[in-house]
C-alpha cells in the first residue's frame, strides 16, 4: 500500500501530480496523471497533452489515495529522491 512515507519507493504511474518547483520555471504548474516514468523523467497527462518533466531539480506534489474514494493526501517530493529507474527505486537500490 502506498503511503506518504514510502511514496519515493512506490510505483508513480497512475498518481495525480503537480510540479510546484523547478529550475525551469515553464514547468511549474503542470498537473495531471503520471502515465509513464523513465530513469530521469515523468510523463504527465494534462488536460490537453502529455508533458515530459525531468525529475532532477524539480519538486512534485503527489496525491496519495486514502481509504475512501474522497480521501487523498498530498505529499511533496524532491525529484532527486525519485531520480532512478522505477524498479531500482522500488527495491531501494
N, C-alpha and C. Protein backbone atom coordinates (compact mmCIF):
# COMPACT_ATOMS: atom_id res chain seq x y z
N UNK A 1 0.84 -1.18 0.00
CA UNK A 1 0.00 0.00 0.00
C UNK A 1 0.89 1.25 0.00
N UNK A 2 0.54 2.18 -0.83
CA UNK A 2 1.31 3.42 -0.91
C UNK A 2 0.93 4.33 0.25
N UNK A 3 1.95 4.92 0.85
CA UNK A 3 1.75 5.85 1.97
C UNK A 3 2.67 7.05 1.75
N UNK A 4 2.46 8.14 2.50
CA UNK A 4 3.38 9.27 2.40
C UNK A 4 4.82 8.89 2.73
N UNK A 5 5.03 7.91 3.57
CA UNK A 5 6.39 7.51 3.96
C UNK A 5 7.11 6.70 2.89
N UNK A 6 6.34 5.95 2.07
CA UNK A 6 7.01 5.08 1.09
C UNK A 6 6.80 5.52 -0.36
N UNK A 7 6.23 6.70 -0.58
CA UNK A 7 5.92 7.13 -1.94
C UNK A 7 7.15 7.15 -2.85
N UNK A 8 8.32 7.46 -2.31
CA UNK A 8 9.52 7.52 -3.16
C UNK A 8 9.99 6.13 -3.61
N UNK A 9 9.48 5.09 -2.99
CA UNK A 9 9.84 3.72 -3.38
C UNK A 9 8.70 3.00 -4.06
N UNK A 10 7.64 3.72 -4.37
CA UNK A 10 6.43 3.11 -4.90
C UNK A 10 6.26 3.43 -6.39
N UNK A 11 5.39 2.71 -7.03
CA UNK A 11 5.01 2.97 -8.42
C UNK A 11 4.31 4.32 -8.50
N UNK A 12 4.75 5.19 -9.40
CA UNK A 12 4.17 6.52 -9.53
C UNK A 12 3.15 6.62 -10.65
N UNK A 13 3.22 5.72 -11.63
CA UNK A 13 2.28 5.74 -12.74
C UNK A 13 0.87 5.56 -12.18
N UNK A 14 -0.01 6.46 -12.61
CA UNK A 14 -1.39 6.43 -12.16
C UNK A 14 -1.71 7.48 -11.11
N UNK A 15 -0.66 8.00 -10.44
CA UNK A 15 -0.89 9.02 -9.43
C UNK A 15 -1.09 10.39 -10.07
N UNK A 16 -1.91 11.22 -9.46
CA UNK A 16 -2.01 12.62 -9.87
C UNK A 16 -0.83 13.35 -9.28
N UNK A 17 -0.28 14.29 -10.04
CA UNK A 17 0.85 15.07 -9.54
C UNK A 17 0.78 16.49 -10.07
N UNK A 18 1.56 17.34 -9.42
CA UNK A 18 1.68 18.74 -9.83
C UNK A 18 3.12 19.16 -9.62
N UNK A 19 3.66 19.91 -10.57
CA UNK A 19 5.01 20.46 -10.43
C UNK A 19 4.88 21.77 -9.65
N UNK A 20 5.52 21.81 -8.48
CA UNK A 20 5.42 23.01 -7.63
C UNK A 20 6.71 23.81 -7.58
N UNK A 21 7.78 23.27 -8.13
CA UNK A 21 9.04 23.99 -8.20
C UNK A 21 9.96 23.35 -9.22
N UNK A 22 10.75 24.18 -9.90
CA UNK A 22 11.68 23.67 -10.89
C UNK A 22 12.67 24.77 -11.26
N UNK A 23 13.88 24.37 -11.63
CA UNK A 23 14.83 25.33 -12.18
C UNK A 23 14.31 25.90 -13.49
N UNK A 24 13.47 25.12 -14.19
CA UNK A 24 12.82 25.58 -15.42
C UNK A 24 11.42 26.06 -15.04
N UNK A 25 11.26 27.36 -14.91
CA UNK A 25 10.00 27.95 -14.45
C UNK A 25 8.82 27.60 -15.35
N UNK A 26 9.07 27.26 -16.62
CA UNK A 26 7.97 26.93 -17.52
C UNK A 26 7.28 25.62 -17.14
N UNK A 27 7.92 24.82 -16.30
CA UNK A 27 7.34 23.54 -15.87
C UNK A 27 6.42 23.69 -14.66
N UNK A 28 6.62 24.75 -13.89
CA UNK A 28 5.83 24.94 -12.67
C UNK A 28 4.36 25.10 -13.03
N UNK A 29 3.52 24.34 -12.37
CA UNK A 29 2.09 24.38 -12.61
C UNK A 29 1.57 23.23 -13.46
N UNK A 30 2.46 22.47 -14.08
CA UNK A 30 2.00 21.31 -14.84
C UNK A 30 1.35 20.35 -13.85
N UNK A 31 0.16 19.89 -14.18
CA UNK A 31 -0.50 18.93 -13.32
C UNK A 31 -1.35 17.98 -14.12
N UNK A 32 -1.47 16.77 -13.60
CA UNK A 32 -2.25 15.74 -14.26
C UNK A 32 -1.88 14.39 -13.69
N UNK A 33 -2.11 13.35 -14.47
CA UNK A 33 -1.84 11.99 -14.04
C UNK A 33 -0.54 11.50 -14.66
N UNK A 34 0.30 10.84 -13.85
CA UNK A 34 1.54 10.25 -14.35
C UNK A 34 1.17 9.05 -15.22
N UNK A 35 1.60 9.08 -16.49
CA UNK A 35 1.28 7.98 -17.41
C UNK A 35 2.50 7.16 -17.80
N UNK A 36 3.69 7.67 -17.51
CA UNK A 36 4.90 6.91 -17.81
C UNK A 36 6.03 7.48 -16.97
N UNK A 37 7.05 6.65 -16.78
CA UNK A 37 8.20 7.07 -15.98
C UNK A 37 9.45 6.43 -16.56
N UNK A 38 10.50 7.23 -16.67
CA UNK A 38 11.82 6.71 -17.03
C UNK A 38 12.76 7.02 -15.88
N UNK A 39 14.03 6.72 -16.07
CA UNK A 39 15.00 6.97 -15.02
C UNK A 39 15.00 8.43 -14.59
N UNK A 40 14.95 9.35 -15.54
CA UNK A 40 15.11 10.76 -15.22
C UNK A 40 13.89 11.63 -15.53
N UNK A 41 12.76 11.02 -15.94
CA UNK A 41 11.59 11.83 -16.28
C UNK A 41 10.29 11.19 -15.81
N UNK A 42 9.28 12.04 -15.67
CA UNK A 42 7.90 11.60 -15.52
C UNK A 42 7.13 12.15 -16.72
N UNK A 43 6.23 11.38 -17.27
CA UNK A 43 5.35 11.85 -18.32
C UNK A 43 3.99 12.07 -17.67
N UNK A 44 3.53 13.33 -17.74
CA UNK A 44 2.29 13.72 -17.08
C UNK A 44 1.24 14.04 -18.14
N UNK A 45 0.10 13.37 -18.05
CA UNK A 45 -1.01 13.64 -18.96
C UNK A 45 -1.82 14.78 -18.37
N UNK A 46 -1.81 15.92 -19.05
CA UNK A 46 -2.58 17.08 -18.62
C UNK A 46 -3.92 17.07 -19.35
N UNK A 47 -4.70 18.12 -19.17
CA UNK A 47 -6.00 18.19 -19.84
C UNK A 47 -5.88 18.20 -21.35
N UNK A 48 -4.76 18.74 -21.89
CA UNK A 48 -4.67 18.89 -23.34
C UNK A 48 -3.49 18.18 -24.00
N UNK A 49 -2.56 17.62 -23.24
CA UNK A 49 -1.42 16.97 -23.86
C UNK A 49 -0.64 16.16 -22.82
N UNK A 50 0.45 15.56 -23.26
CA UNK A 50 1.37 14.89 -22.35
C UNK A 50 2.63 15.74 -22.25
N UNK A 51 3.10 15.94 -21.04
CA UNK A 51 4.31 16.73 -20.79
C UNK A 51 5.36 15.83 -20.16
N UNK A 52 6.57 15.90 -20.68
CA UNK A 52 7.69 15.17 -20.10
C UNK A 52 8.43 16.11 -19.17
N UNK A 53 8.51 15.71 -17.90
CA UNK A 53 9.08 16.57 -16.87
C UNK A 53 10.32 15.88 -16.30
N UNK A 54 11.47 16.55 -16.30
CA UNK A 54 12.67 15.96 -15.71
C UNK A 54 12.52 15.87 -14.19
N UNK A 55 13.02 14.78 -13.63
CA UNK A 55 12.97 14.61 -12.17
C UNK A 55 13.98 15.50 -11.45
N UNK A 56 15.25 15.52 -11.91
CA UNK A 56 16.23 16.34 -11.17
C UNK A 56 15.82 17.81 -11.15
N UNK A 57 16.08 18.45 -10.04
CA UNK A 57 15.85 19.89 -9.89
C UNK A 57 14.38 20.28 -10.02
N UNK A 58 13.48 19.33 -9.74
CA UNK A 58 12.05 19.58 -9.80
C UNK A 58 11.42 19.10 -8.51
N UNK A 59 10.44 19.85 -8.02
CA UNK A 59 9.69 19.46 -6.83
C UNK A 59 8.26 19.13 -7.26
N UNK A 60 7.81 17.96 -6.83
CA UNK A 60 6.48 17.46 -7.20
C UNK A 60 5.59 17.37 -5.97
N UNK A 61 4.29 17.46 -6.18
CA UNK A 61 3.31 17.08 -5.18
C UNK A 61 2.49 15.95 -5.78
N UNK A 62 2.41 14.83 -5.05
CA UNK A 62 1.65 13.66 -5.48
C UNK A 62 0.43 13.51 -4.59
N UNK A 63 -0.69 13.13 -5.19
CA UNK A 63 -1.89 12.81 -4.44
C UNK A 63 -1.90 11.31 -4.17
N UNK A 64 -1.87 10.98 -2.88
CA UNK A 64 -1.86 9.58 -2.46
C UNK A 64 -3.30 9.21 -2.08
N UNK A 65 -3.86 8.17 -2.70
CA UNK A 65 -5.24 7.80 -2.36
C UNK A 65 -5.35 7.31 -0.92
N UNK A 66 -6.50 7.62 -0.33
CA UNK A 66 -6.76 7.19 1.04
C UNK A 66 -7.64 5.96 1.08
N UNK A 67 -8.25 5.75 2.23
CA UNK A 67 -9.10 4.57 2.42
C UNK A 67 -10.44 4.68 1.69
N UNK A 68 -10.88 5.92 1.42
CA UNK A 68 -12.14 6.11 0.71
C UNK A 68 -11.86 6.84 -0.60
N UNK A 69 -12.82 6.83 -1.51
CA UNK A 69 -12.64 7.49 -2.80
C UNK A 69 -12.45 8.99 -2.65
N UNK A 70 -13.01 9.59 -1.62
CA UNK A 70 -12.94 11.03 -1.41
C UNK A 70 -11.67 11.47 -0.69
N UNK A 71 -10.94 10.54 -0.15
CA UNK A 71 -9.81 10.86 0.73
C UNK A 71 -8.49 10.77 -0.03
N UNK A 72 -7.71 11.86 0.00
CA UNK A 72 -6.36 11.85 -0.57
C UNK A 72 -5.44 12.62 0.36
N UNK A 73 -4.17 12.31 0.27
CA UNK A 73 -3.13 13.02 0.99
C UNK A 73 -2.15 13.56 -0.04
N UNK A 74 -1.76 14.81 0.09
CA UNK A 74 -0.80 15.41 -0.82
C UNK A 74 0.58 15.32 -0.19
N UNK A 75 1.53 14.77 -0.95
CA UNK A 75 2.90 14.58 -0.46
C UNK A 75 3.85 15.31 -1.39
N UNK A 76 4.72 16.14 -0.82
CA UNK A 76 5.73 16.86 -1.60
C UNK A 76 6.99 16.01 -1.68
N UNK A 77 7.53 15.87 -2.90
CA UNK A 77 8.70 15.02 -3.13
C UNK A 77 9.70 15.79 -3.99
N UNK A 78 10.94 15.83 -3.54
CA UNK A 78 12.02 16.39 -4.35
C UNK A 78 12.38 15.37 -5.43
N UNK A 79 12.52 15.83 -6.66
CA UNK A 79 12.79 14.95 -7.78
C UNK A 79 14.03 14.08 -7.62
N UNK A 80 15.03 14.60 -6.93
CA UNK A 80 16.25 13.81 -6.71
C UNK A 80 15.96 12.52 -5.94
N UNK A 81 14.90 12.53 -5.12
CA UNK A 81 14.55 11.34 -4.32
C UNK A 81 13.95 10.23 -5.18
N UNK A 82 13.49 10.58 -6.38
CA UNK A 82 12.89 9.57 -7.26
C UNK A 82 13.66 9.45 -8.58
N UNK A 83 14.83 10.05 -8.65
CA UNK A 83 15.63 10.05 -9.88
C UNK A 83 16.42 8.76 -9.99
N UNK A 84 15.71 7.71 -10.41
CA UNK A 84 16.30 6.39 -10.61
C UNK A 84 15.32 5.58 -11.44
N UNK A 85 15.80 4.44 -11.93
CA UNK A 85 14.88 3.54 -12.64
C UNK A 85 13.81 3.09 -11.66
N UNK A 86 12.55 3.04 -12.08
CA UNK A 86 11.48 2.68 -11.16
C UNK A 86 11.71 1.36 -10.43
N UNK A 87 12.20 0.35 -11.13
CA UNK A 87 12.42 -0.95 -10.49
C UNK A 87 13.50 -0.87 -9.42
N UNK A 88 14.56 -0.12 -9.69
CA UNK A 88 15.63 0.04 -8.70
C UNK A 88 15.15 0.84 -7.49
N UNK A 89 14.35 1.87 -7.75
CA UNK A 89 13.85 2.71 -6.67
C UNK A 89 12.95 1.87 -5.75
N UNK A 90 12.14 1.00 -6.32
CA UNK A 90 11.23 0.17 -5.54
C UNK A 90 12.00 -0.81 -4.66
N UNK A 91 13.16 -1.27 -5.14
CA UNK A 91 13.98 -2.20 -4.36
C UNK A 91 14.87 -1.46 -3.37
N UNK A 92 14.96 -0.14 -3.51
CA UNK A 92 15.82 0.62 -2.61
C UNK A 92 17.27 0.62 -3.00
N UNK A 93 17.55 0.36 -4.29
CA UNK A 93 18.94 0.31 -4.79
C UNK A 93 19.46 1.73 -4.95
